[in-house]
Amino acid sequence: MMANITELTDKTFNDETSKGLVITDFNADWCPPCKMMNPILEKLSSTDELGDKIKFTSMNVDHNPETPNNFGIQGIPTFLIKKDGNIVGRLVGYQPEEKFRLALEKFM
């Protein structure tokens, strides 16, 4: 995946998202809006103001069906935001960079 984004699996999801502020991008290789989000996620995860405060993670729903099913994720991309293991937010679909940044800043 991308340098500042941790790739998750069904097995690693709970451990990797249980501490701090974590956003998980649920996506698939064949999904055009998911691909459009990749440069935005890479850019935001590389900035000091967000990258140092939020752990950016990603999960391919085709390879890991259990976790998205557990959270009722049907459309992709879906962004699940967790704080210390608790779900605090969810965004669905393509998000323009500025809107996405503002949404994330609300949770910091």
PDB file of N, CA and C in Angstrom:
ATOM      1  N   MET A   1       0.852  -1.189   0.000  1.00  0.00           N
ATOM      2  CA  MET A   1       0.000   0.000   0.000  1.00  0.00           C
ATOM      3  C   MET A   1       0.889   1.241   0.000  1.00  0.00           C
ATOM      4  N   MET A   2       0.524   2.246   0.772  1.00  0.00           N
ATOM      5  CA  MET A   2       1.249   3.507   0.757  1.00  0.00           C
ATOM      6  C   MET A   2       2.093   3.650   2.017  1.00  0.00           C
ATOM      7  N   ALA A   3       3.109   4.458   1.946  1.00  0.00           N
ATOM      8  CA  ALA A   3       4.142   4.536   2.980  1.00  0.00           C
ATOM      9  C   ALA A   3       3.615   4.798   4.392  1.00  0.00           C
ATOM     10  N   ASN A   4       2.687   5.731   4.540  1.00  0.00           N
ATOM     11  CA  ASN A   4       2.230   6.125   5.870  1.00  0.00           C
ATOM     12  C   ASN A   4       0.923   5.451   6.275  1.00  0.00           C
ATOM     13  N   ILE A   5       0.514   4.457   5.520  1.00  0.00           N
ATOM     14  CA  ILE A   5      -0.777   3.809   5.755  1.00  0.00           C
ATOM     15  C   ILE A   5      -0.545   2.328   6.028  1.00  0.00           C
ATOM     16  N   THR A   6      -1.047   1.864   7.163  1.00  0.00           N
ATOM     17  CA  THR A   6      -0.871   0.472   7.577  1.00  0.00           C
ATOM     18  C   THR A   6      -1.959  -0.393   6.957  1.00  0.00           C
ATOM     19  N   GLU A   7      -1.559  -1.436   6.253  1.00  0.00           N
ATOM     20  CA  GLU A   7      -2.511  -2.372   5.644  1.00  0.00           C
ATOM     21  C   GLU A   7      -2.991  -3.356   6.711  1.00  0.00           C
ATOM     22  N   LEU A   8      -4.306  -3.461   6.876  1.00  0.00           N
ATOM     23  CA  LEU A   8      -4.888  -4.331   7.904  1.00  0.00           C
ATOM     24  C   LEU A   8      -5.521  -5.571   7.285  1.00  0.00           C
ATOM     25  N   THR A   9      -5.666  -6.601   8.124  1.00  0.00           N
ATOM     26  CA  THR A   9      -6.392  -7.814   7.752  1.00  0.00           C
ATOM     27  C   THR A   9      -7.455  -8.063   8.820  1.00  0.00           C
ATOM     28  N   ASP A  10      -8.323  -9.042   8.566  1.00  0.00           N
ATOM     29  CA  ASP A  10      -9.311  -9.413   9.583  1.00  0.00           C
ATOM     30  C   ASP A  10      -8.618  -9.768  10.897  1.00  0.00           C
ATOM     31  N   LYS A  11      -7.457 -10.403  10.809  1.00  0.00           N
ATOM     32  CA  LYS A  11      -6.726 -10.835  12.016  1.00  0.00           C
ATOM     33  C   LYS A  11      -6.096  -9.672  12.773  1.00  0.00           C
ATOM     34  N   THR A  12      -5.621  -8.645  12.064  1.00  0.00           N
ATOM     35  CA  THR A  12      -4.882  -7.559  12.719  1.00  0.00           C
ATOM     36  C   THR A  12      -5.744  -6.346  13.069  1.00  0.00           C
ATOM     37  N   PHE A  13      -6.972  -6.289  12.555  1.00  0.00           N
ATOM     38  CA  PHE A  13      -7.792  -5.084  12.696  1.00  0.00           C
ATOM     39  C   PHE A  13      -7.955  -4.625  14.143  1.00  0.00           C
ATOM     40  N   ASN A  14      -8.403  -5.507  15.037  1.00  0.00           N
ATOM     41  CA  ASN A  14      -8.679  -5.082  16.413  1.00  0.00           C
ATOM     42  C   ASN A  14      -7.437  -4.568  17.128  1.00  0.00           C
ATOM     43  N   ASP A  15      -6.326  -5.283  17.012  1.00  0.00           N
ATOM     44  CA  ASP A  15      -5.089  -4.844  17.670  1.00  0.00           C
ATOM     45  C   ASP A  15      -4.603  -3.508  17.125  1.00  0.00           C
ATOM     46  N   GLU A  16      -4.673  -3.344  15.819  1.00  0.00           N
ATOM     47  CA  GLU A  16      -4.135  -2.134  15.178  1.00  0.00           C
ATOM     48  C   GLU A  16      -5.017  -0.901  15.371  1.00  0.00           C
ATOM     49  N   THR A  17      -6.291  -1.100  15.746  1.00  0.00           N
ATOM     50  CA  THR A  17      -7.208   0.043  15.853  1.00  0.00           C
ATOM     51  C   THR A  17      -7.727   0.254  17.272  1.00  0.00           C
ATOM     52  N   SER A  18      -7.055  -0.320  18.260  1.00  0.00           N
ATOM     53  CA  SER A  18      -7.577  -0.258  19.634  1.00  0.00           C
ATOM     54  C   SER A  18      -7.046   0.916  20.447  1.00  0.00           C
ATOM     55  N   LYS A  19      -5.995   1.589  19.976  1.00  0.00           N
ATOM     56  CA  LYS A  19      -5.394   2.680  20.750  1.00  0.00           C
ATOM     57  C   LYS A  19      -5.285   3.947  19.916  1.00  0.00           C
ATOM     58  N   GLY A  20      -5.622   5.067  20.544  1.00  0.00           N
ATOM     59  CA  GLY A  20      -5.481   6.353  19.875  1.00  0.00           C
ATOM     60  C   GLY A  20      -6.557   6.587  18.834  1.00  0.00           C
ATOM     61  N   LEU A  21      -6.308   7.555  17.972  1.00  0.00           N
ATOM     62  CA  LEU A  21      -7.241   7.927  16.917  1.00  0.00           C
ATOM     63  C   LEU A  21      -6.811   7.230  15.627  1.00  0.00           C
ATOM     64  N   VAL A  22      -7.710   6.396  15.080  1.00  0.00           N
ATOM     65  CA  VAL A  22      -7.381   5.572  13.909  1.00  0.00           C
ATOM     66  C   VAL A  22      -8.482   5.705  12.866  1.00  0.00           C
ATOM     67  N   ILE A  23      -8.083   5.916  11.630  1.00  0.00           N
ATOM     68  CA  ILE A  23      -9.048   5.883  10.531  1.00  0.00           C
ATOM     69  C   ILE A  23      -8.714   4.689   9.650  1.00  0.00           C
ATOM     70  N   THR A  24      -9.745   3.909   9.315  1.00  0.00           N
ATOM     71  CA  THR A  24      -9.560   2.763   8.424  1.00  0.00           C
ATOM     72  C   THR A  24     -10.327   3.010   7.136  1.00  0.00           C
ATOM     73  N   ASP A  25      -9.623   2.900   6.029  1.00  0.00           N
ATOM     74  CA  ASP A  25     -10.193   3.027   4.694  1.00  0.00           C
ATOM     75  C   ASP A  25     -10.546   1.624   4.208  1.00  0.00           C
ATOM     76  N   PHE A  26     -11.842   1.320   4.144  1.00  0.00           N
ATOM     77  CA  PHE A  26     -12.305   0.038   3.597  1.00  0.00           C
ATOM     78  C   PHE A  26     -12.464   0.230   2.092  1.00  0.00           C
ATOM     79  N   ASN A  27     -11.735  -0.560   1.298  1.00  0.00           N
ATOM     80  CA  ASN A  27     -11.671  -0.324  -0.138  1.00  0.00           C
ATOM     81  C   ASN A  27     -11.518  -1.626  -0.910  1.00  0.00           C
ATOM     82  N   ALA A  28     -11.458  -1.494  -2.236  1.00  0.00           N
ATOM     83  CA  ALA A  28     -11.195  -2.638  -3.121  1.00  0.00           C
ATOM     84  C   ALA A  28     -10.408  -2.143  -4.327  1.00  0.00           C
ATOM     85  N   ASP A  29      -9.635  -3.049  -4.911  1.00  0.00           N
ATOM     86  CA  ASP A  29      -8.789  -2.693  -6.057  1.00  0.00           C
ATOM     87  C   ASP A  29      -9.597  -2.232  -7.269  1.00  0.00           C
ATOM     88  N   TRP A  30     -10.807  -2.747  -7.433  1.00  0.00           N
ATOM     89  CA  TRP A  30     -11.612  -2.474  -8.617  1.00  0.00           C
ATOM     90  C   TRP A  30     -12.477  -1.220  -8.479  1.00  0.00           C
ATOM     91  N   CYS A  31     -12.380  -0.518  -7.360  1.00  0.00           N
ATOM     92  CA  CYS A  31     -13.281   0.589  -7.030  1.00  0.00           C
ATOM     93  C   CYS A  31     -12.688   1.948  -7.438  1.00  0.00           C
ATOM     94  N   PRO A  32     -13.216   2.606  -8.496  1.00  0.00           N
ATOM     95  CA  PRO A  32     -12.669   3.901  -8.923  1.00  0.00           C
ATOM     96  C   PRO A  32     -12.662   4.983  -7.825  1.00  0.00           C
ATOM     97  N   PRO A  33     -13.750   5.164  -7.046  1.00  0.00           N
ATOM     98  CA  PRO A  33     -13.686   6.188  -5.994  1.00  0.00           C
ATOM     99  C   PRO A  33     -12.615   5.876  -4.938  1.00  0.00           C
ATOM    100  N   CYS A  34     -12.374   4.582  -4.693  1.00  0.00           N
ATOM    101  CA  CYS A  34     -11.313   4.196  -3.748  1.00  0.00           C
ATOM    102  C   CYS A  34      -9.958   4.655  -4.279  1.00  0.00           C
ATOM    103  N   LYS A  35      -9.736   4.425  -5.572  1.00  0.00           N
ATOM    104  CA  LYS A  35      -8.469   4.827  -6.188  1.00  0.00           C
ATOM    105  C   LYS A  35      -8.311   6.339  -6.170  1.00  0.00           C
ATOM    106  N   MET A  36      -9.420   7.063  -6.325  1.00  0.00           N
ATOM    107  CA  MET A  36      -9.369   8.523  -6.287  1.00  0.00           C
ATOM    108  C   MET A  36      -9.005   9.027  -4.890  1.00  0.00           C
ATOM    109  N   MET A  37      -9.327   8.258  -3.861  1.00  0.00           N
ATOM    110  CA  MET A  37      -9.014   8.663  -2.487  1.00  0.00           C
ATOM    111  C   MET A  37      -7.553   8.401  -2.127  1.00  0.00           C
ATOM    112  N   ASN A  38      -6.889   7.477  -2.813  1.00  0.00           N
ATOM    113  CA  ASN A  38      -5.516   7.103  -2.449  1.00  0.00           C
ATOM    114  C   ASN A  38      -4.560   8.287  -2.331  1.00  0.00           C
ATOM    115  N   PRO A  39      -4.489   9.195  -3.343  1.00  0.00           N
ATOM    116  CA  PRO A  39      -3.553  10.315  -3.194  1.00  0.00           C
ATOM    117  C   PRO A  39      -3.939  11.256  -2.054  1.00  0.00           C
ATOM    118  N   ILE A  40      -5.229  11.385  -1.782  1.00  0.00           N
ATOM    119  CA  ILE A  40      -5.684  12.244  -0.676  1.00  0.00           C
ATOM    120  C   ILE A  40      -5.260  11.636   0.653  1.00  0.00           C
ATOM    121  N   LEU A  41      -5.470  10.339   0.807  1.00  0.00           N
ATOM    122  CA  LEU A  41      -5.063   9.660   2.044  1.00  0.00           C
ATOM    123  C   LEU A  41      -3.555   9.731   2.232  1.00  0.00           C
ATOM    124  N   GLU A  42      -2.815   9.515   1.154  1.00  0.00           N
ATOM    125  CA  GLU A  42      -1.357   9.566   1.236  1.00  0.00           C
ATOM    126  C   GLU A  42      -0.895  10.962   1.651  1.00  0.00           C
ATOM    127  N   LYS A  43      -1.488  11.980   1.048  1.00  0.00           N
ATOM    128  CA  LYS A  43      -1.104  13.359   1.361  1.00  0.00           C
ATOM    129  C   LYS A  43      -1.423  13.701   2.819  1.00  0.00           C
ATOM    130  N   LEU A  44      -2.647  13.399   3.252  1.00  0.00           N
ATOM    131  CA  LEU A  44      -3.048  13.753   4.619  1.00  0.00           C
ATOM    132  C   LEU A  44      -2.259  12.961   5.658  1.00  0.00           C
ATOM    133  N   SER A  45      -1.963  11.702   5.364  1.00  0.00           N
ATOM    134  CA  SER A  45      -1.215  10.890   6.328  1.00  0.00           C
ATOM    135  C   SER A  45       0.241  11.334   6.420  1.00  0.00           C
ATOM    136  N   SER A  46       0.701  12.095   5.435  1.00  0.00           N
ATOM    137  CA  SER A  46       2.087  12.573   5.414  1.00  0.00           C
ATOM    138  C   SER A  46       2.259  13.936   6.078  1.00  0.00           C
ATOM    139  N   THR A  47       1.154  14.603   6.396  1.00  0.00           N
ATOM    140  CA  THR A  47       1.259  15.938   6.995  1.00  0.00           C
ATOM    141  C   THR A  47       1.459  15.826   8.495  1.00  0.00           C
ATOM    142  N   ASP A  48       2.212  16.759   9.043  1.00  0.00           N
ATOM    143  CA  ASP A  48       2.465  16.756  10.485  1.00  0.00           C
ATOM    144  C   ASP A  48       1.181  16.931  11.287  1.00  0.00           C
ATOM    145  N   GLU A  49       0.303  17.836  10.825  1.00  0.00           N
ATOM    146  CA  GLU A  49      -0.889  18.135  11.634  1.00  0.00           C
ATOM    147  C   GLU A  49      -1.867  16.963  11.721  1.00  0.00           C
ATOM    148  N   LEU A  50      -1.883  16.090  10.721  1.00  0.00           N
ATOM    149  CA  LEU A  50      -2.774  14.926  10.778  1.00  0.00           C
ATOM    150  C   LEU A  50      -2.006  13.627  10.987  1.00  0.00           C
ATOM    151  N   GLY A  51      -0.933  13.437  10.243  1.00  0.00           N
ATOM    152  CA  GLY A  51      -0.183  12.183  10.282  1.00  0.00           C
ATOM    153  C   GLY A  51       0.395  11.852  11.643  1.00  0.00           C
ATOM    154  N   ASP A  52       0.720  12.879  12.423  1.00  0.00           N
ATOM    155  CA  ASP A  52       1.272  12.643  13.761  1.00  0.00           C
ATOM    156  C   ASP A  52       0.190  12.348  14.796  1.00  0.00           C
ATOM    157  N   LYS A  53      -1.062  12.686  14.483  1.00  0.00           N
ATOM    158  CA  LYS A  53      -2.139  12.555  15.465  1.00  0.00           C
ATOM    159  C   LYS A  53      -3.116  11.429  15.146  1.00  0.00           C
ATOM    160  N   ILE A  54      -3.160  11.050  13.877  1.00  0.00           N
ATOM    161  CA  ILE A  54      -4.099  10.022  13.430  1.00  0.00           C
ATOM    162  C   ILE A  54      -3.310   8.885  12.785  1.00  0.00           C
ATOM    163  N   LYS A  55      -3.652   7.658  13.157  1.00  0.00           N
ATOM    164  CA  LYS A  55      -3.065   6.489  12.496  1.00  0.00           C
ATOM    165  C   LYS A  55      -3.949   6.159  11.294  1.00  0.00           C
ATOM    166  N   PHE A  56      -3.375   6.177  10.112  1.00  0.00           N
ATOM    167  CA  PHE A  56      -4.100   5.874   8.884  1.00  0.00           C
ATOM    168  C   PHE A  56      -3.920   4.398   8.551  1.00  0.00           C
ATOM    169  N   THR A  57      -5.047   3.702   8.342  1.00  0.00           N
ATOM    170  CA  THR A  57      -5.003   2.283   8.010  1.00  0.00           C
ATOM    171  C   THR A  57      -5.910   2.009   6.814  1.00  0.00           C
ATOM    172  N   SER A  58      -5.736   0.838   6.220  1.00  0.00           N
ATOM    173  CA  SER A  58      -6.484   0.475   5.026  1.00  0.00           C
ATOM    174  C   SER A  58      -6.814  -1.009   5.065  1.00  0.00           C
ATOM    175  N   MET A  59      -7.992  -1.368   4.549  1.00  0.00           N
ATOM    176  CA  MET A  59      -8.371  -2.778   4.479  1.00  0.00           C
ATOM    177  C   MET A  59      -9.068  -3.069   3.156  1.00  0.00           C
ATOM    178  N   ASN A  60      -8.567  -4.075   2.439  1.00  0.00           N
ATOM    179  CA  ASN A  60      -9.185  -4.527   1.205  1.00  0.00           C
ATOM    180  C   ASN A  60     -10.350  -5.449   1.575  1.00  0.00           C
ATOM    181  N   VAL A  61     -11.573  -5.039   1.218  1.00  0.00           N
ATOM    182  CA  VAL A  61     -12.768  -5.791   1.621  1.00  0.00           C
ATOM    183  C   VAL A  61     -12.895  -7.126   0.892  1.00  0.00           C
ATOM    184  N   ASP A  62     -12.296  -7.246  -0.286  1.00  0.00           N
ATOM    185  CA  ASP A  62     -12.359  -8.515  -1.015  1.00  0.00           C
ATOM    186  C   ASP A  62     -11.495  -9.580  -0.344  1.00  0.00           C
ATOM    187  N   HIS A  63     -10.374  -9.165   0.218  1.00  0.00           N
ATOM    188  CA  HIS A  63      -9.462 -10.105   0.873  1.00  0.00           C
ATOM    189  C   HIS A  63      -9.812 -10.322   2.340  1.00  0.00           C
ATOM    190  N   ASN A  64     -10.596  -9.412   2.917  1.00  0.00           N
ATOM    191  CA  ASN A  64     -10.939  -9.459   4.349  1.00  0.00           C
ATOM    192  C   ASN A  64     -12.422  -9.163   4.537  1.00  0.00           C
ATOM    193  N   PRO A  65     -13.297 -10.124   4.259  1.00  0.00           N
ATOM    194  CA  PRO A  65     -14.738  -9.865   4.307  1.00  0.00           C
ATOM    195  C   PRO A  65     -15.325  -9.789   5.720  1.00  0.00           C
ATOM    196  N   GLU A  66     -14.654 -10.393   6.690  1.00  0.00           N
ATOM    197  CA  GLU A  66     -15.229 -10.512   8.031  1.00  0.00           C
ATOM    198  C   GLU A  66     -15.398  -9.160   8.729  1.00  0.00           C
ATOM    199  N   THR A  67     -14.352  -8.355   8.762  1.00  0.00           N
ATOM    200  CA  THR A  67     -14.400  -7.076   9.475  1.00  0.00           C
ATOM    201  C   THR A  67     -15.438  -6.125   8.887  1.00  0.00           C
ATOM    202  N   PRO A  68     -15.448  -5.886   7.565  1.00  0.00           N
ATOM    203  CA  PRO A  68     -16.481  -4.994   7.027  1.00  0.00           C
ATOM    204  C   PRO A  68     -17.890  -5.509   7.310  1.00  0.00           C
ATOM    205  N   ASN A  69     -18.069  -6.821   7.256  1.00  0.00           N
ATOM    206  CA  ASN A  69     -19.369  -7.411   7.552  1.00  0.00           C
ATOM    207  C   ASN A  69     -19.776  -7.135   8.999  1.00  0.00           C
ATOM    208  N   ASN A  70     -18.819  -7.249   9.920  1.00  0.00           N
ATOM    209  CA  ASN A  70     -19.098  -6.998  11.340  1.00  0.00           C
ATOM    210  C   ASN A  70     -19.556  -5.569  11.591  1.00  0.00           C
ATOM    211  N   PHE A  71     -19.074  -4.624  10.787  1.00  0.00           N
ATOM    212  CA  PHE A  71     -19.417  -3.213  10.976  1.00  0.00           C
ATOM    213  C   PHE A  71     -20.511  -2.742  10.019  1.00  0.00           C
ATOM    214  N   GLY A  72     -21.102  -3.662   9.279  1.00  0.00           N
ATOM    215  CA  GLY A  72     -22.198  -3.307   8.373  1.00  0.00           C
ATOM    216  C   GLY A  72     -21.762  -2.417   7.220  1.00  0.00           C
ATOM    217  N   ILE A  73     -20.532  -2.579   6.784  1.00  0.00           N
ATOM    218  CA  ILE A  73     -20.018  -1.757   5.686  1.00  0.00           C
ATOM    219  C   ILE A  73     -20.453  -2.378   4.368  1.00  0.00           C
ATOM    220  N   GLN A  74     -21.223  -1.602   3.593  1.00  0.00           N
ATOM    221  CA  GLN A  74     -21.739  -2.108   2.333  1.00  0.00           C
ATOM    222  C   GLN A  74     -21.170  -1.359   1.145  1.00  0.00           C
ATOM    223  N   GLY A  75     -21.118  -0.037   1.225  1.00  0.00           N
ATOM    224  CA  GLY A  75     -20.557   0.765   0.141  1.00  0.00           C
ATOM    225  C   GLY A  75     -19.092   1.065   0.408  1.00  0.00           C
ATOM    226  N   ILE A  76     -18.323   1.180  -0.672  1.00  0.00           N
ATOM    227  CA  ILE A  76     -16.918   1.557  -0.507  1.00  0.00           C
ATOM    228  C   ILE A  76     -16.601   2.704  -1.458  1.00  0.00           C
ATOM    229  N   PRO A  77     -15.661   3.553  -1.087  1.00  0.00           N
ATOM    230  CA  PRO A  77     -14.915   3.472   0.166  1.00  0.00           C
ATOM    231  C   PRO A  77     -15.759   3.898   1.368  1.00  0.00           C
ATOM    232  N   THR A  78     -15.523   3.237   2.486  1.00  0.00           N
ATOM    233  CA  THR A  78     -16.069   3.660   3.775  1.00  0.00           C
ATOM    234  C   THR A  78     -14.889   3.895   4.698  1.00  0.00           C
ATOM    235  N   PHE A  79     -14.960   4.987   5.436  1.00  0.00           N
ATOM    236  CA  PHE A  79     -13.895   5.358   6.371  1.00  0.00           C
ATOM    237  C   PHE A  79     -14.451   5.265   7.780  1.00  0.00           C
ATOM    238  N   LEU A  80     -13.906   4.351   8.558  1.00  0.00           N
ATOM    239  CA  LEU A  80     -14.335   4.140   9.938  1.00  0.00           C
ATOM    240  C   LEU A  80     -13.324   4.827  10.845  1.00  0.00           C
ATOM    241  N   ILE A  81     -13.810   5.665  11.743  1.00  0.00           N
ATOM    242  CA  ILE A  81     -12.929   6.406  12.644  1.00  0.00           C
ATOM    243  C   ILE A  81     -13.140   5.888  14.054  1.00  0.00           C
ATOM    244  N   LYS A  82     -12.034   5.438  14.663  1.00  0.00           N
ATOM    245  CA  LYS A  82     -12.097   4.887  16.020  1.00  0.00           C
ATOM    246  C   LYS A  82     -11.184   5.684  16.940  1.00  0.00           C
ATOM    247  N   LYS A  83     -11.646   5.871  18.157  1.00  0.00           N
ATOM    248  CA  LYS A  83     -10.835   6.526  19.181  1.00  0.00           C
ATOM    249  C   LYS A  83     -10.756   5.569  20.353  1.00  0.00           C
ATOM    250  N   ASP A  84      -9.535   5.137  20.673  1.00  0.00           N
ATOM    251  CA  ASP A  84      -9.304   4.170  21.748  1.00  0.00           C
ATOM    252  C   ASP A  84     -10.222   2.954  21.637  1.00  0.00           C
ATOM    253  N   GLY A  85     -10.404   2.474  20.409  1.00  0.00           N
ATOM    254  CA  GLY A  85     -11.163   1.256  20.163  1.00  0.00           C
ATOM    255  C   GLY A  85     -12.655   1.441  19.957  1.00  0.00           C
ATOM    256  N   ASN A  86     -13.168   2.651  20.195  1.00  0.00           N
ATOM    257  CA  ASN A  86     -14.602   2.913  20.026  1.00  0.00           C
ATOM    258  C   ASN A  86     -14.855   3.665  18.724  1.00  0.00           C
ATOM    259  N   ILE A  87     -15.891   3.270  17.996  1.00  0.00           N
ATOM    260  CA  ILE A  87     -16.233   3.957  16.751  1.00  0.00           C
ATOM    261  C   ILE A  87     -16.808   5.331  17.088  1.00  0.00           C
ATOM    262  N   VAL A  88     -16.194   6.367  16.523  1.00  0.00           N
ATOM    263  CA  VAL A  88     -16.660   7.732  16.769  1.00  0.00           C
ATOM    264  C   VAL A  88     -17.159   8.407  15.495  1.00  0.00           C
ATOM    265  N   GLY A  89     -16.905   7.790  14.343  1.00  0.00           N
ATOM    266  CA  GLY A  89     -17.358   8.394  13.100  1.00  0.00           C
ATOM    267  C   GLY A  89     -17.268   7.445  11.927  1.00  0.00           C
ATOM    268  N   ARG A  90     -17.992   7.813  10.874  1.00  0.00           N
ATOM    269  CA  ARG A  90     -18.022   7.009   9.651  1.00  0.00           C
ATOM    270  C   ARG A  90     -18.306   7.951   8.486  1.00  0.00           C
ATOM    271  N   LEU A  91     -17.515   7.831   7.445  1.00  0.00           N
ATOM    272  CA  LEU A  91     -17.729   8.590   6.216  1.00  0.00           C
ATOM    273  C   LEU A  91     -17.837   7.578   5.086  1.00  0.00           C
ATOM    274  N   VAL A  92     -18.776   7.806   4.165  1.00  0.00           N
ATOM    275  CA  VAL A  92     -18.982   6.859   3.073  1.00  0.00           C
ATOM    276  C   VAL A  92     -18.835   7.586   1.741  1.00  0.00           C
ATOM    277  N   GLY A  93     -18.104   6.961   0.829  1.00  0.00           N
ATOM    278  CA  GLY A  93     -17.954   7.506  -0.516  1.00  0.00           C
ATOM    279  C   GLY A  93     -16.763   8.428  -0.660  1.00  0.00           C
ATOM    280  N   TYR A  94     -16.541   8.848  -1.897  1.00  0.00           N
ATOM    281  CA  TYR A  94     -15.437   9.761  -2.197  1.00  0.00           C
ATOM    282  C   TYR A  94     -15.611  11.055  -1.411  1.00  0.00           C
ATOM    283  N   GLN A  95     -14.520  11.542  -0.836  1.00  0.00           N
ATOM    284  CA  GLN A  95     -14.524  12.790  -0.068  1.00  0.00           C
ATOM    285  C   GLN A  95     -13.500  13.748  -0.668  1.00  0.00           C
ATOM    286  N   PRO A  96     -13.919  14.955  -1.064  1.00  0.00           N
ATOM    287  CA  PRO A  96     -12.922  15.933  -1.502  1.00  0.00           C
ATOM    288  C   PRO A  96     -11.929  16.205  -0.366  1.00  0.00           C
ATOM    289  N   GLU A  97     -10.691  16.517  -0.721  1.00  0.00           N
ATOM    290  CA  GLU A  97      -9.625  16.624   0.281  1.00  0.00           C
ATOM    291  C   GLU A  97      -9.974  17.560   1.435  1.00  0.00           C
ATOM    292  N   GLU A  98     -10.443  18.760   1.133  1.00  0.00           N
ATOM    293  CA  GLU A  98     -10.693  19.738   2.202  1.00  0.00           C
ATOM    294  C   GLU A  98     -11.822  19.263   3.127  1.00  0.00           C
ATOM    295  N   LYS A  99     -12.869  18.719   2.549  1.00  0.00           N
ATOM    296  CA  LYS A  99     -13.987  18.199   3.350  1.00  0.00           C
ATOM    297  C   LYS A  99     -13.511  17.045   4.239  1.00  0.00           C
ATOM    298  N   PHE A 100     -12.682  16.185   3.688  1.00  0.00           N
ATOM    299  CA  PHE A 100     -12.160  15.032   4.419  1.00  0.00           C
ATOM    300  C   PHE A 100     -11.267  15.486   5.572  1.00  0.00           C
ATOM    301  N   ARG A 101     -10.398  16.457   5.296  1.00  0.00           N
ATOM    302  CA  ARG A 101      -9.502  16.991   6.323  1.00  0.00           C
ATOM    303  C   ARG A 101     -10.315  17.600   7.478  1.00  0.00           C
ATOM    304  N   LEU A 102     -11.312  18.396   7.147  1.00  0.00           N
ATOM    305  CA  LEU A 102     -12.142  19.029   8.184  1.00  0.00           C
ATOM    306  C   LEU A 102     -12.888  17.984   9.004  1.00  0.00           C
ATOM    307  N   ALA A 103     -13.363  16.943   8.349  1.00  0.00           N
ATOM    308  CA  ALA A 103     -14.064  15.869   9.065  1.00  0.00           C
ATOM    309  C   ALA A 103     -13.122  15.188  10.052  1.00  0.00           C
ATOM    310  N   LEU A 104     -11.892  14.927   9.638  1.00  0.00           N
ATOM    311  CA  LEU A 104     -10.922  14.274  10.524  1.00  0.00           C
ATOM    312  C   LEU A 104     -10.516  15.179  11.682  1.00  0.00           C
ATOM    313  N   GLU A 105     -10.358  16.459  11.406  1.00  0.00           N
ATOM    314  CA  GLU A 105      -9.931  17.400  12.454  1.00  0.00           C
ATOM    315  C   GLU A 105     -10.941  17.485  13.588  1.00  0.00           C
ATOM    316  N   LYS A 106     -12.211  17.227  13.293  1.00  0.00           N
ATOM    317  CA  LYS A 106     -13.246  17.259  14.345  1.00  0.00           C
ATOM    318  C   LYS A 106     -12.999  16.212  15.423  1.00  0.00           C
ATOM    319  N   PHE A 107     -12.299  15.145  15.083  1.00  0.00           N
ATOM    320  CA  PHE A 107     -12.085  14.048  16.033  1.00  0.00           C
ATOM    321  C   PHE A 107     -10.789  14.183  16.822  1.00  0.00           C
ATOM    322  N   MET A 108      -9.979  15.185  16.494  1.00  0.00           N
ATOM    323  CA  MET A 108      -8.689  15.334  17.165  1.00  0.00           C
ATOM    324  C   MET A 108      -8.825  16.079  18.490  1.00  0.00           C
TER     325      MET A 108
END
